[in-house]
């Protein structure tokens, strides 16, 4: 009955006093039960007490490591708390492709731009057909000449020539020229992902998304 009660709170997204009390009582009586720790994690997420949420997510995933939805919520909590080492650790072990942009951003933080680019590119291949081109579209960051050239290539079937164009484009945008363009390209993909995630209620994003892709944070 305790587990059923906890699952009901989770399903209804309850995070109030009754949910907290139910989770605490179940943890006292059944310390090996997983779901009370997940409920407590979500309570602390709602309260924006990230360190406590992280603590309970760890407890839950130690008991139920196969729950990819909870692992993703945990990864998001780590990302918001800017705990990038822990974020890289969990996302590198996840099978859910939603984790790839979070892994990429953890890799960016430790300056592994090639690894971040690879993670983003893997993620892009998993997106729907209408979403994939958004990541390589340079309309918000290129010159008029560059944009025109890319649009011609994007309409052709010559993917090899288009890829070479993008490689050259991002290399030119890479101020330090030390990563073969990976630094700036990974940053662009990060901004597109953020625009879709934070400002994407209107397809593909609203005016804030456009500004974010152009200028970043």
N, C-alpha and C. Protein backbone atom coordinates (compact mmCIF):
# COMPACT_ATOMS: atom_id res chain seq x y z
N UNK A 1 0.82 -1.22 0.00
CA UNK A 1 0.00 0.00 0.00
C UNK A 1 0.86 1.27 0.00
N UNK A 2 1.99 1.25 0.68
CA UNK A 2 2.85 2.44 0.71
C UNK A 2 3.38 2.76 -0.69
N UNK A 3 3.83 1.72 -1.40
CA UNK A 3 4.36 1.94 -2.75
C UNK A 3 3.26 2.45 -3.68
N UNK A 4 2.07 1.90 -3.55
CA UNK A 4 0.93 2.35 -4.37
C UNK A 4 0.61 3.81 -4.10
N UNK A 5 0.65 4.22 -2.85
CA UNK A 5 0.39 5.62 -2.48
C UNK A 5 1.46 6.54 -3.09
N UNK A 6 2.72 6.11 -2.99
CA UNK A 6 3.81 6.91 -3.55
C UNK A 6 3.65 7.04 -5.06
N UNK A 7 3.32 5.94 -5.73
CA UNK A 7 3.15 5.96 -7.17
C UNK A 7 1.99 6.87 -7.58
N UNK A 8 0.97 6.91 -6.77
CA UNK A 8 -0.16 7.81 -7.04
C UNK A 8 0.28 9.26 -6.96
N UNK A 9 1.06 9.60 -5.92
CA UNK A 9 1.60 10.97 -5.80
C UNK A 9 2.47 11.31 -7.00
N UNK A 10 3.31 10.35 -7.43
CA UNK A 10 4.19 10.59 -8.58
C UNK A 10 3.38 10.81 -9.85
N UNK A 11 2.35 9.95 -10.06
CA UNK A 11 1.55 10.03 -11.27
C UNK A 11 0.79 11.35 -11.35
N UNK A 12 0.32 11.83 -10.20
CA UNK A 12 -0.45 13.08 -10.16
C UNK A 12 0.44 14.30 -9.98
N UNK A 13 1.76 14.06 -9.92
CA UNK A 13 2.74 15.15 -9.78
C UNK A 13 2.52 15.96 -8.50
N UNK A 14 2.19 15.27 -7.43
CA UNK A 14 2.00 15.92 -6.13
C UNK A 14 3.36 16.20 -5.48
N UNK A 15 3.55 17.41 -5.00
CA UNK A 15 4.81 17.73 -4.30
C UNK A 15 4.53 18.50 -3.00
N UNK A 16 3.30 18.46 -2.54
CA UNK A 16 2.93 19.19 -1.34
C UNK A 16 3.25 18.42 -0.06
N UNK A 17 2.70 18.91 1.04
CA UNK A 17 3.01 18.35 2.36
C UNK A 17 2.63 16.88 2.46
N UNK A 18 1.47 16.51 1.91
CA UNK A 18 1.03 15.11 2.00
C UNK A 18 2.01 14.19 1.28
N UNK A 19 2.50 14.62 0.12
CA UNK A 19 3.45 13.81 -0.64
C UNK A 19 4.76 13.67 0.12
N UNK A 20 5.22 14.77 0.70
CA UNK A 20 6.46 14.73 1.47
C UNK A 20 6.35 13.77 2.65
N UNK A 21 5.23 13.87 3.38
CA UNK A 21 5.02 13.01 4.55
C UNK A 21 4.96 11.54 4.15
N UNK A 22 4.27 11.28 3.02
CA UNK A 22 4.15 9.89 2.56
C UNK A 22 5.52 9.33 2.18
N UNK A 23 6.33 10.15 1.51
CA UNK A 23 7.67 9.69 1.13
C UNK A 23 8.53 9.42 2.36
N UNK A 24 8.49 10.34 3.32
CA UNK A 24 9.31 10.17 4.53
C UNK A 24 8.89 8.94 5.32
N UNK A 25 7.59 8.73 5.42
CA UNK A 25 7.09 7.57 6.17
C UNK A 25 7.50 6.28 5.49
N UNK A 26 7.38 6.22 4.18
CA UNK A 26 7.74 5.01 3.44
C UNK A 26 9.25 4.73 3.54
N UNK A 27 10.06 5.79 3.52
CA UNK A 27 11.51 5.58 3.64
C UNK A 27 11.90 5.05 5.01
N UNK A 28 11.18 5.49 6.03
CA UNK A 28 11.47 4.98 7.38
C UNK A 28 11.10 3.51 7.50
N UNK A 29 9.95 3.16 6.94
CA UNK A 29 9.44 1.79 7.09
C UNK A 29 10.09 0.82 6.11
N UNK A 30 10.39 1.30 4.90
CA UNK A 30 10.93 0.43 3.85
C UNK A 30 12.12 1.13 3.19
N UNK A 31 13.27 1.13 3.82
CA UNK A 31 14.42 1.89 3.31
C UNK A 31 14.93 1.43 1.95
N UNK A 32 14.61 0.20 1.54
CA UNK A 32 15.07 -0.29 0.24
C UNK A 32 14.08 0.01 -0.89
N UNK A 33 12.93 0.58 -0.56
CA UNK A 33 11.94 0.91 -1.58
C UNK A 33 12.43 2.11 -2.39
N UNK A 34 12.33 2.01 -3.71
CA UNK A 34 12.91 3.04 -4.58
C UNK A 34 12.03 4.29 -4.71
N UNK A 35 10.72 4.08 -4.90
CA UNK A 35 9.84 5.19 -5.29
C UNK A 35 9.78 6.36 -4.30
N UNK A 36 9.88 6.16 -2.98
CA UNK A 36 9.87 7.33 -2.09
C UNK A 36 11.02 8.29 -2.34
N UNK A 37 12.17 7.76 -2.72
CA UNK A 37 13.32 8.62 -3.01
C UNK A 37 13.08 9.44 -4.28
N UNK A 38 12.41 8.84 -5.27
CA UNK A 38 12.07 9.59 -6.48
C UNK A 38 11.07 10.70 -6.16
N UNK A 39 10.09 10.40 -5.32
CA UNK A 39 9.12 11.42 -4.94
C UNK A 39 9.80 12.56 -4.20
N UNK A 40 10.69 12.22 -3.30
CA UNK A 40 11.42 13.26 -2.56
C UNK A 40 12.29 14.10 -3.51
N UNK A 41 12.90 13.46 -4.49
CA UNK A 41 13.71 14.19 -5.48
C UNK A 41 12.85 15.21 -6.22
N UNK A 42 11.65 14.80 -6.62
CA UNK A 42 10.78 15.71 -7.36
C UNK A 42 10.25 16.84 -6.47
N UNK A 43 10.04 16.54 -5.21
CA UNK A 43 9.65 17.58 -4.25
C UNK A 43 10.72 18.66 -4.20
N UNK A 44 11.98 18.24 -4.09
CA UNK A 44 13.07 19.21 -4.00
C UNK A 44 13.31 19.91 -5.33
N UNK A 45 13.04 19.22 -6.44
CA UNK A 45 13.11 19.90 -7.74
C UNK A 45 12.10 21.04 -7.78
N UNK A 46 10.89 20.75 -7.32
CA UNK A 46 9.83 21.76 -7.31
C UNK A 46 10.22 22.93 -6.42
N UNK A 47 10.89 22.64 -5.32
CA UNK A 47 11.32 23.69 -4.39
C UNK A 47 12.59 24.40 -4.86
N UNK A 48 13.18 23.89 -5.95
CA UNK A 48 14.43 24.44 -6.49
C UNK A 48 15.59 24.30 -5.50
N UNK A 49 15.54 23.25 -4.69
CA UNK A 49 16.66 22.91 -3.80
C UNK A 49 17.44 21.78 -4.49
N UNK A 50 18.34 22.19 -5.39
CA UNK A 50 18.95 21.24 -6.31
C UNK A 50 19.83 20.21 -5.61
N UNK A 51 20.59 20.62 -4.60
CA UNK A 51 21.49 19.67 -3.94
C UNK A 51 20.70 18.53 -3.29
N UNK A 52 19.58 18.88 -2.67
CA UNK A 52 18.75 17.84 -2.05
C UNK A 52 18.12 16.95 -3.11
N UNK A 53 17.70 17.54 -4.23
CA UNK A 53 17.13 16.74 -5.32
C UNK A 53 18.17 15.75 -5.85
N UNK A 54 19.39 16.21 -6.01
CA UNK A 54 20.48 15.34 -6.48
C UNK A 54 20.69 14.18 -5.52
N UNK A 55 20.68 14.48 -4.21
CA UNK A 55 20.87 13.45 -3.19
C UNK A 55 19.83 12.33 -3.34
N UNK A 56 18.56 12.72 -3.50
CA UNK A 56 17.51 11.71 -3.57
C UNK A 56 17.47 11.01 -4.93
N UNK A 57 17.83 11.70 -6.00
CA UNK A 57 17.93 11.02 -7.29
C UNK A 57 18.99 9.93 -7.23
N UNK A 58 20.11 10.20 -6.59
CA UNK A 58 21.15 9.19 -6.45
C UNK A 58 20.63 7.98 -5.68
N UNK A 59 19.89 8.25 -4.61
CA UNK A 59 19.32 7.16 -3.82
C UNK A 59 18.36 6.32 -4.65
N UNK A 60 17.52 7.01 -5.43
CA UNK A 60 16.53 6.29 -6.25
C UNK A 60 17.22 5.46 -7.33
N UNK A 61 18.16 6.07 -8.05
CA UNK A 61 18.79 5.36 -9.17
C UNK A 61 19.69 4.22 -8.69
N UNK A 62 20.19 4.32 -7.47
CA UNK A 62 20.94 3.19 -6.91
C UNK A 62 20.02 1.97 -6.73
N UNK A 63 18.73 2.23 -6.52
CA UNK A 63 17.75 1.16 -6.33
C UNK A 63 17.06 0.76 -7.63
N UNK A 64 17.03 1.69 -8.60
CA UNK A 64 16.34 1.41 -9.86
C UNK A 64 17.12 2.05 -11.02
N UNK A 65 18.29 1.51 -11.33
CA UNK A 65 19.19 2.14 -12.31
C UNK A 65 18.67 2.11 -13.75
N UNK A 66 17.64 1.31 -14.03
CA UNK A 66 17.15 1.18 -15.40
C UNK A 66 16.15 2.26 -15.79
N UNK A 67 15.73 3.08 -14.85
CA UNK A 67 14.72 4.11 -15.13
C UNK A 67 15.36 5.28 -15.87
N UNK A 68 15.26 5.30 -17.19
CA UNK A 68 15.89 6.33 -17.99
C UNK A 68 15.21 7.70 -17.84
N UNK A 69 13.90 7.70 -17.61
CA UNK A 69 13.20 8.98 -17.40
C UNK A 69 13.71 9.67 -16.14
N UNK A 70 13.86 8.92 -15.08
CA UNK A 70 14.37 9.48 -13.84
C UNK A 70 15.83 9.89 -14.01
N UNK A 71 16.59 9.10 -14.74
CA UNK A 71 18.00 9.45 -14.98
C UNK A 71 18.10 10.76 -15.75
N UNK A 72 17.19 10.94 -16.71
CA UNK A 72 17.19 12.19 -17.48
C UNK A 72 16.81 13.38 -16.59
N UNK A 73 15.81 13.21 -15.75
CA UNK A 73 15.44 14.27 -14.81
C UNK A 73 16.60 14.60 -13.88
N UNK A 74 17.30 13.57 -13.46
CA UNK A 74 18.47 13.76 -12.61
C UNK A 74 19.54 14.54 -13.36
N UNK A 75 19.77 14.17 -14.62
CA UNK A 75 20.77 14.86 -15.44
C UNK A 75 20.41 16.33 -15.61
N UNK A 76 19.14 16.62 -15.82
CA UNK A 76 18.70 18.01 -15.94
C UNK A 76 18.97 18.78 -14.64
N UNK A 77 18.75 18.12 -13.51
CA UNK A 77 19.00 18.75 -12.22
C UNK A 77 20.48 19.06 -12.05
N UNK A 78 21.34 18.11 -12.44
CA UNK A 78 22.78 18.34 -12.39
C UNK A 78 23.18 19.48 -13.31
N UNK A 79 22.57 19.54 -14.49
CA UNK A 79 22.89 20.60 -15.45
C UNK A 79 22.52 21.97 -14.88
N UNK A 80 21.34 22.08 -14.29
CA UNK A 80 20.91 23.36 -13.71
C UNK A 80 21.81 23.75 -12.54
N UNK A 81 22.31 22.74 -11.81
CA UNK A 81 23.20 23.01 -10.67
C UNK A 81 24.65 23.21 -11.12
N UNK A 82 24.91 23.08 -12.42
CA UNK A 82 26.25 23.24 -13.00
C UNK A 82 27.26 22.26 -12.40
N UNK A 83 26.78 21.06 -12.13
CA UNK A 83 27.66 20.01 -11.63
C UNK A 83 28.07 19.14 -12.83
N UNK A 84 29.02 19.63 -13.60
CA UNK A 84 29.29 19.07 -14.92
C UNK A 84 30.01 17.73 -14.86
N UNK A 85 30.84 17.51 -13.85
CA UNK A 85 31.53 16.22 -13.77
C UNK A 85 30.54 15.09 -13.52
N UNK A 86 29.62 15.32 -12.59
CA UNK A 86 28.59 14.32 -12.33
C UNK A 86 27.67 14.17 -13.52
N UNK A 87 27.40 15.28 -14.19
CA UNK A 87 26.54 15.25 -15.37
C UNK A 87 27.17 14.39 -16.47
N UNK A 88 28.46 14.57 -16.70
CA UNK A 88 29.14 13.75 -17.71
C UNK A 88 29.10 12.28 -17.32
N UNK A 89 29.28 11.99 -16.04
CA UNK A 89 29.31 10.61 -15.59
C UNK A 89 27.99 9.90 -15.87
N UNK A 90 26.86 10.53 -15.53
CA UNK A 90 25.58 9.84 -15.70
C UNK A 90 25.15 9.81 -17.16
N UNK A 91 25.34 10.92 -17.88
CA UNK A 91 24.87 10.94 -19.26
C UNK A 91 25.69 10.04 -20.17
N UNK A 92 26.96 9.84 -19.83
CA UNK A 92 27.79 8.95 -20.65
C UNK A 92 27.37 7.49 -20.48
N UNK A 93 26.60 7.19 -19.43
CA UNK A 93 26.15 5.82 -19.18
C UNK A 93 24.69 5.60 -19.57
N UNK A 94 23.99 6.67 -19.98
CA UNK A 94 22.58 6.55 -20.32
C UNK A 94 22.40 6.06 -21.76
N UNK A 95 21.31 5.34 -21.99
CA UNK A 95 20.96 4.90 -23.34
C UNK A 95 19.92 5.81 -23.98
N UNK A 96 19.27 6.64 -23.20
CA UNK A 96 18.27 7.57 -23.71
C UNK A 96 18.98 8.68 -24.49
N UNK A 97 18.64 8.85 -25.76
CA UNK A 97 19.33 9.84 -26.60
C UNK A 97 19.07 11.28 -26.17
N UNK A 98 18.05 11.52 -25.33
CA UNK A 98 17.83 12.87 -24.82
C UNK A 98 19.01 13.34 -23.97
N UNK A 99 19.80 12.40 -23.49
CA UNK A 99 20.95 12.75 -22.65
C UNK A 99 22.10 13.33 -23.45
N UNK A 100 22.13 13.11 -24.76
CA UNK A 100 23.30 13.49 -25.56
C UNK A 100 23.61 14.99 -25.53
N UNK A 101 22.61 15.90 -25.66
CA UNK A 101 22.94 17.33 -25.56
C UNK A 101 23.49 17.72 -24.20
N UNK A 102 23.03 17.05 -23.14
CA UNK A 102 23.54 17.34 -21.80
C UNK A 102 24.98 16.83 -21.67
N UNK A 103 25.24 15.65 -22.22
CA UNK A 103 26.62 15.14 -22.25
C UNK A 103 27.51 16.10 -23.02
N UNK A 104 27.03 16.59 -24.16
CA UNK A 104 27.82 17.51 -24.97
C UNK A 104 28.19 18.76 -24.19
N UNK A 105 27.24 19.28 -23.41
CA UNK A 105 27.52 20.51 -22.67
C UNK A 105 28.48 20.26 -21.51
N UNK A 106 28.44 19.07 -20.94
CA UNK A 106 29.44 18.72 -19.93
C UNK A 106 30.83 18.64 -20.57
N UNK A 107 30.90 18.10 -21.78
CA UNK A 107 32.18 18.01 -22.49
C UNK A 107 32.70 19.39 -22.88
N UNK A 108 31.80 20.28 -23.26
CA UNK A 108 32.20 21.66 -23.58
C UNK A 108 32.86 22.30 -22.36
N UNK A 109 32.29 22.05 -21.19
CA UNK A 109 32.82 22.66 -19.97
C UNK A 109 34.25 22.23 -19.68
N UNK A 110 34.61 21.02 -20.10
CA UNK A 110 36.01 20.60 -19.88
C UNK A 110 36.82 20.70 -21.18
N UNK A 111 36.28 21.49 -22.11
CA UNK A 111 36.98 21.86 -23.34
C UNK A 111 37.25 20.67 -24.28
N UNK A 112 36.45 19.65 -24.18
CA UNK A 112 36.52 18.56 -25.15
C UNK A 112 35.51 18.88 -26.26
N UNK A 113 35.87 19.82 -27.14
CA UNK A 113 34.93 20.31 -28.14
C UNK A 113 34.67 19.28 -29.23
N UNK A 114 35.67 18.48 -29.56
CA UNK A 114 35.46 17.42 -30.55
C UNK A 114 34.47 16.38 -30.02
N UNK A 115 34.62 16.00 -28.75
CA UNK A 115 33.69 15.06 -28.14
C UNK A 115 32.28 15.63 -28.06
N UNK A 116 32.18 16.92 -27.72
CA UNK A 116 30.88 17.58 -27.64
C UNK A 116 30.21 17.61 -29.00
N UNK A 117 30.99 17.93 -30.04
CA UNK A 117 30.45 17.96 -31.40
C UNK A 117 29.94 16.58 -31.81
N UNK A 118 30.69 15.55 -31.49
CA UNK A 118 30.29 14.18 -31.84
C UNK A 118 28.98 13.81 -31.13
N UNK A 119 28.85 14.21 -29.84
CA UNK A 119 27.62 13.92 -29.10
C UNK A 119 26.43 14.63 -29.72
N UNK A 120 26.61 15.90 -30.06
CA UNK A 120 25.52 16.65 -30.69
C UNK A 120 25.15 16.04 -32.05
N UNK A 121 26.15 15.67 -32.84
CA UNK A 121 25.86 15.12 -34.16
C UNK A 121 25.12 13.79 -34.05
N UNK A 122 25.47 12.98 -33.07
CA UNK A 122 24.73 11.74 -32.83
C UNK A 122 23.29 12.07 -32.46
N UNK A 123 23.11 13.05 -31.58
CA UNK A 123 21.76 13.45 -31.17
C UNK A 123 20.94 13.91 -32.37
N UNK A 124 21.54 14.72 -33.24
CA UNK A 124 20.83 15.27 -34.39
C UNK A 124 20.30 14.16 -35.29
N UNK A 125 21.07 13.07 -35.44
CA UNK A 125 20.61 11.96 -36.29
C UNK A 125 19.36 11.29 -35.73
N UNK A 126 19.07 11.48 -34.45
CA UNK A 126 17.89 10.85 -33.84
C UNK A 126 16.65 11.73 -33.92
N UNK A 127 16.80 12.96 -34.41
CA UNK A 127 15.68 13.90 -34.44
C UNK A 127 14.79 13.65 -35.65
N UNK A 128 13.53 14.11 -35.59
CA UNK A 128 12.64 13.96 -36.76
C UNK A 128 13.18 14.69 -37.98
N UNK A 129 12.71 14.29 -39.15
CA UNK A 129 13.22 14.84 -40.41
C UNK A 129 13.11 16.36 -40.47
N UNK A 130 12.02 16.91 -39.92
CA UNK A 130 11.81 18.35 -40.02
C UNK A 130 12.69 19.14 -39.05
N UNK A 131 13.24 18.47 -38.04
CA UNK A 131 14.04 19.16 -37.04
C UNK A 131 15.53 19.14 -37.35
N UNK A 132 16.01 18.09 -37.98
CA UNK A 132 17.45 17.95 -38.21
C UNK A 132 18.07 19.14 -38.94
N UNK A 133 17.44 19.66 -40.00
CA UNK A 133 18.08 20.78 -40.73
C UNK A 133 18.25 22.05 -39.89
N UNK A 134 17.50 22.19 -38.80
CA UNK A 134 17.60 23.40 -37.98
C UNK A 134 19.01 23.56 -37.41
N UNK A 135 19.67 22.46 -37.14
CA UNK A 135 20.97 22.52 -36.48
C UNK A 135 22.08 22.99 -37.42
N UNK A 136 21.96 22.66 -38.71
CA UNK A 136 23.00 23.06 -39.65
C UNK A 136 22.66 24.35 -40.38
N UNK A 137 21.44 24.85 -40.21
CA UNK A 137 21.06 26.11 -40.87
C UNK A 137 21.88 27.26 -40.30
N UNK A 138 22.55 28.02 -41.18
CA UNK A 138 23.43 29.10 -40.72
C UNK A 138 22.79 30.47 -40.94
N UNK A 139 21.47 30.50 -41.18
CA UNK A 139 20.79 31.76 -41.53
C UNK A 139 20.95 32.84 -40.47
N UNK A 140 21.11 32.44 -39.20
CA UNK A 140 21.18 33.43 -38.12
C UNK A 140 22.61 33.81 -37.75
N UNK A 141 23.59 33.15 -38.37
CA UNK A 141 24.98 33.41 -37.96
C UNK A 141 25.91 33.68 -39.15
N UNK A 142 25.44 33.52 -40.37
CA UNK A 142 26.30 33.72 -41.53
C UNK A 142 26.08 35.06 -42.21
N UNK A 143 26.94 35.40 -43.14
CA UNK A 143 26.75 36.58 -43.98
C UNK A 143 25.71 36.24 -45.05
N UNK A 144 25.22 37.26 -45.74
CA UNK A 144 24.23 37.02 -46.79
C UNK A 144 24.80 36.09 -47.87
N UNK A 145 26.06 36.29 -48.21
CA UNK A 145 26.69 35.44 -49.23
C UNK A 145 26.79 34.00 -48.76
N UNK A 146 27.20 33.81 -47.50
CA UNK A 146 27.32 32.46 -46.94
C UNK A 146 25.95 31.78 -46.87
N UNK A 147 24.96 32.54 -46.45
CA UNK A 147 23.60 31.99 -46.32
C UNK A 147 23.08 31.55 -47.69
N UNK A 148 23.29 32.40 -48.71
CA UNK A 148 22.84 32.06 -50.05
C UNK A 148 23.51 30.81 -50.58
N UNK A 149 24.82 30.71 -50.36
CA UNK A 149 25.57 29.53 -50.83
C UNK A 149 25.09 28.27 -50.12
N UNK A 150 24.84 28.37 -48.82
CA UNK A 150 24.39 27.19 -48.08
C UNK A 150 23.00 26.75 -48.53
N UNK A 151 22.11 27.70 -48.78
CA UNK A 151 20.75 27.33 -49.19
C UNK A 151 20.75 26.60 -50.52
N UNK A 152 21.62 27.01 -51.44
CA UNK A 152 21.73 26.30 -52.72
C UNK A 152 22.19 24.86 -52.48
N UNK A 153 23.20 24.70 -51.63
CA UNK A 153 23.71 23.36 -51.34
C UNK A 153 22.68 22.52 -50.58
N UNK A 154 21.93 23.16 -49.68
CA UNK A 154 20.95 22.44 -48.88
C UNK A 154 19.83 21.86 -49.75
N UNK A 155 19.55 22.52 -50.88
CA UNK A 155 18.49 22.04 -51.78
C UNK A 155 18.99 20.97 -52.74
N UNK A 156 20.30 20.79 -52.81
CA UNK A 156 20.85 19.78 -53.73
C UNK A 156 20.99 18.44 -53.02
N UNK A 157 21.32 17.43 -53.80
CA UNK A 157 21.53 16.09 -53.23
C UNK A 157 22.99 15.84 -52.90
N UNK A 158 23.83 16.84 -53.10
CA UNK A 158 25.27 16.67 -52.90
C UNK A 158 25.62 16.92 -51.43
N UNK A 159 25.38 15.92 -50.59
CA UNK A 159 25.62 16.08 -49.15
C UNK A 159 27.11 16.22 -48.84
N UNK A 160 27.96 15.61 -49.69
CA UNK A 160 29.40 15.70 -49.45
C UNK A 160 29.89 17.13 -49.62
N UNK A 161 29.42 17.82 -50.67
CA UNK A 161 29.81 19.20 -50.90
C UNK A 161 29.26 20.11 -49.81
N UNK A 162 28.03 19.83 -49.39
CA UNK A 162 27.43 20.62 -48.32
C UNK A 162 28.23 20.46 -47.02
N UNK A 163 28.63 19.24 -46.72
CA UNK A 163 29.41 19.00 -45.50
C UNK A 163 30.76 19.71 -45.56
N UNK A 164 31.38 19.71 -46.73
CA UNK A 164 32.66 20.41 -46.87
C UNK A 164 32.47 21.92 -46.67
N UNK A 165 31.37 22.43 -47.20
CA UNK A 165 31.07 23.86 -47.02
C UNK A 165 30.94 24.19 -45.54
N UNK A 166 30.20 23.36 -44.81
CA UNK A 166 29.99 23.62 -43.38
C UNK A 166 31.29 23.48 -42.59
N UNK A 167 32.12 22.52 -42.98
CA UNK A 167 33.42 22.38 -42.31
C UNK A 167 34.25 23.66 -42.46
N UNK A 168 34.28 24.19 -43.68
CA UNK A 168 35.03 25.44 -43.92
C UNK A 168 34.40 26.61 -43.19
N UNK A 169 33.07 26.66 -43.21
CA UNK A 169 32.35 27.77 -42.57
C UNK A 169 32.68 27.83 -41.09
N UNK A 170 32.59 26.69 -40.40
CA UNK A 170 32.81 26.71 -38.94
C UNK A 170 34.28 26.89 -38.60
N UNK A 171 35.18 26.43 -39.47
CA UNK A 171 36.60 26.68 -39.24
C UNK A 171 36.88 28.19 -39.28
N UNK A 172 36.26 28.89 -40.22
CA UNK A 172 36.45 30.34 -40.33
C UNK A 172 35.88 31.07 -39.11
N UNK A 173 34.83 30.50 -38.51
CA UNK A 173 34.21 31.14 -37.34
C UNK A 173 34.94 30.83 -36.04
N UNK A 174 35.85 29.88 -36.10
CA UNK A 174 36.61 29.47 -34.91
C UNK A 174 37.78 30.43 -34.72
N UNK A 175 37.66 31.29 -33.76
CA UNK A 175 38.65 32.36 -33.55
C UNK A 175 40.05 31.80 -33.37
N UNK A 176 40.18 30.71 -32.61
CA UNK A 176 41.50 30.20 -32.26
C UNK A 176 42.03 29.19 -33.27
N UNK A 177 41.16 28.65 -34.13
CA UNK A 177 41.55 27.70 -35.18
C UNK A 177 42.24 26.46 -34.63
N UNK A 178 42.04 26.17 -33.35
CA UNK A 178 42.75 25.05 -32.74
C UNK A 178 41.92 23.77 -32.71
N UNK A 179 40.63 23.86 -33.00
CA UNK A 179 39.77 22.68 -32.89
C UNK A 179 39.16 22.30 -34.23
N UNK A 180 39.69 22.86 -35.33
CA UNK A 180 39.15 22.54 -36.64
C UNK A 180 37.72 22.97 -36.83
N UNK A 181 37.28 23.97 -36.06
CA UNK A 181 35.90 24.46 -36.14
C UNK A 181 34.97 23.81 -35.14
N UNK A 182 35.44 22.77 -34.44
CA UNK A 182 34.56 22.04 -33.52
C UNK A 182 34.06 22.93 -32.39
N UNK A 183 34.91 23.83 -31.90
CA UNK A 183 34.53 24.70 -30.78
C UNK A 183 33.30 25.52 -31.12
N UNK A 184 33.37 26.25 -32.24
CA UNK A 184 32.26 27.13 -32.60
C UNK A 184 31.04 26.35 -33.09
N UNK A 185 31.27 25.25 -33.76
CA UNK A 185 30.14 24.45 -34.26
C UNK A 185 29.38 23.80 -33.11
N UNK A 186 30.11 23.24 -32.15
CA UNK A 186 29.45 22.65 -30.98
C UNK A 186 28.67 23.71 -30.21
N UNK A 187 29.23 24.92 -30.12
CA UNK A 187 28.54 26.01 -29.44
C UNK A 187 27.26 26.38 -30.20
N UNK A 188 27.31 26.38 -31.52
CA UNK A 188 26.11 26.67 -32.31
C UNK A 188 25.03 25.62 -32.06
N UNK A 189 25.42 24.35 -32.07
CA UNK A 189 24.46 23.28 -31.81
C UNK A 189 23.86 23.43 -30.41
N UNK A 190 24.71 23.82 -29.46
CA UNK A 190 24.21 24.04 -28.09
C UNK A 190 23.14 25.13 -28.07
N UNK A 191 23.38 26.20 -28.80
CA UNK A 191 22.42 27.30 -28.82
C UNK A 191 21.11 26.89 -29.50
N UNK A 192 21.22 26.11 -30.58
CA UNK A 192 20.00 25.65 -31.26
C UNK A 192 19.21 24.75 -30.32
N UNK A 193 19.89 23.84 -29.63
CA UNK A 193 19.20 22.96 -28.67
C UNK A 193 18.52 23.78 -27.59
N UNK A 194 19.21 24.79 -27.06
CA UNK A 194 18.63 25.65 -26.03
C UNK A 194 17.41 26.40 -26.58
N UNK A 195 17.51 26.91 -27.80
CA UNK A 195 16.40 27.63 -28.41
C UNK A 195 15.18 26.72 -28.56
N UNK A 196 15.42 25.47 -28.99
CA UNK A 196 14.31 24.52 -29.13
C UNK A 196 13.74 24.15 -27.77
N UNK A 197 14.61 24.00 -26.77
CA UNK A 197 14.17 23.55 -25.46
C UNK A 197 13.47 24.65 -24.67
N UNK A 198 14.03 25.86 -24.71
CA UNK A 198 13.54 26.95 -23.87
C UNK A 198 12.52 27.84 -24.56
N UNK A 199 12.64 27.96 -25.88
CA UNK A 199 11.81 28.93 -26.60
C UNK A 199 11.07 28.29 -27.77
N UNK A 200 10.83 26.99 -27.71
CA UNK A 200 10.31 26.26 -28.85
C UNK A 200 8.82 25.98 -28.84
N UNK A 201 8.03 26.68 -28.03
CA UNK A 201 6.59 26.45 -28.06
C UNK A 201 6.01 26.85 -29.42
N UNK A 202 6.58 27.91 -30.01
CA UNK A 202 6.27 28.29 -31.39
C UNK A 202 7.35 27.71 -32.28
N UNK A 203 6.95 26.99 -33.34
CA UNK A 203 7.93 26.29 -34.19
C UNK A 203 8.74 27.30 -35.00
N UNK A 204 10.08 27.09 -35.14
CA UNK A 204 10.88 26.19 -34.28
C UNK A 204 11.27 26.84 -32.96
N UNK A 205 11.14 28.20 -32.90
CA UNK A 205 11.40 28.96 -31.68
C UNK A 205 10.87 30.37 -31.89
N UNK A 206 10.73 31.11 -30.81
CA UNK A 206 10.23 32.48 -30.92
C UNK A 206 11.42 33.45 -31.10
N UNK A 207 11.13 34.75 -31.01
CA UNK A 207 12.18 35.76 -31.24
C UNK A 207 13.32 35.62 -30.25
N UNK A 208 13.02 35.18 -29.03
CA UNK A 208 14.08 34.98 -28.04
C UNK A 208 15.04 33.89 -28.50
N UNK A 209 14.50 32.86 -29.16
CA UNK A 209 15.36 31.80 -29.69
C UNK A 209 16.29 32.32 -30.76
N UNK A 210 15.77 33.19 -31.63
CA UNK A 210 16.62 33.79 -32.67
C UNK A 210 17.78 34.57 -32.05
N UNK A 211 17.45 35.40 -31.05
CA UNK A 211 18.48 36.20 -30.38
C UNK A 211 19.50 35.28 -29.71
N UNK A 212 19.01 34.20 -29.08
CA UNK A 212 19.90 33.29 -28.37
C UNK A 212 20.87 32.61 -29.33
N UNK A 213 20.38 32.19 -30.49
CA UNK A 213 21.27 31.54 -31.46
C UNK A 213 22.32 32.51 -31.99
N UNK A 214 21.92 33.76 -32.20
CA UNK A 214 22.87 34.77 -32.70
C UNK A 214 23.94 35.11 -31.66
N UNK A 215 23.52 35.31 -30.41
CA UNK A 215 24.40 35.93 -29.43
C UNK A 215 24.71 35.07 -28.21
N UNK A 216 23.98 33.95 -28.04
CA UNK A 216 24.23 33.12 -26.86
C UNK A 216 23.63 33.71 -25.61
N UNK A 217 24.14 33.28 -24.47
CA UNK A 217 23.55 33.66 -23.18
C UNK A 217 23.57 35.16 -22.96
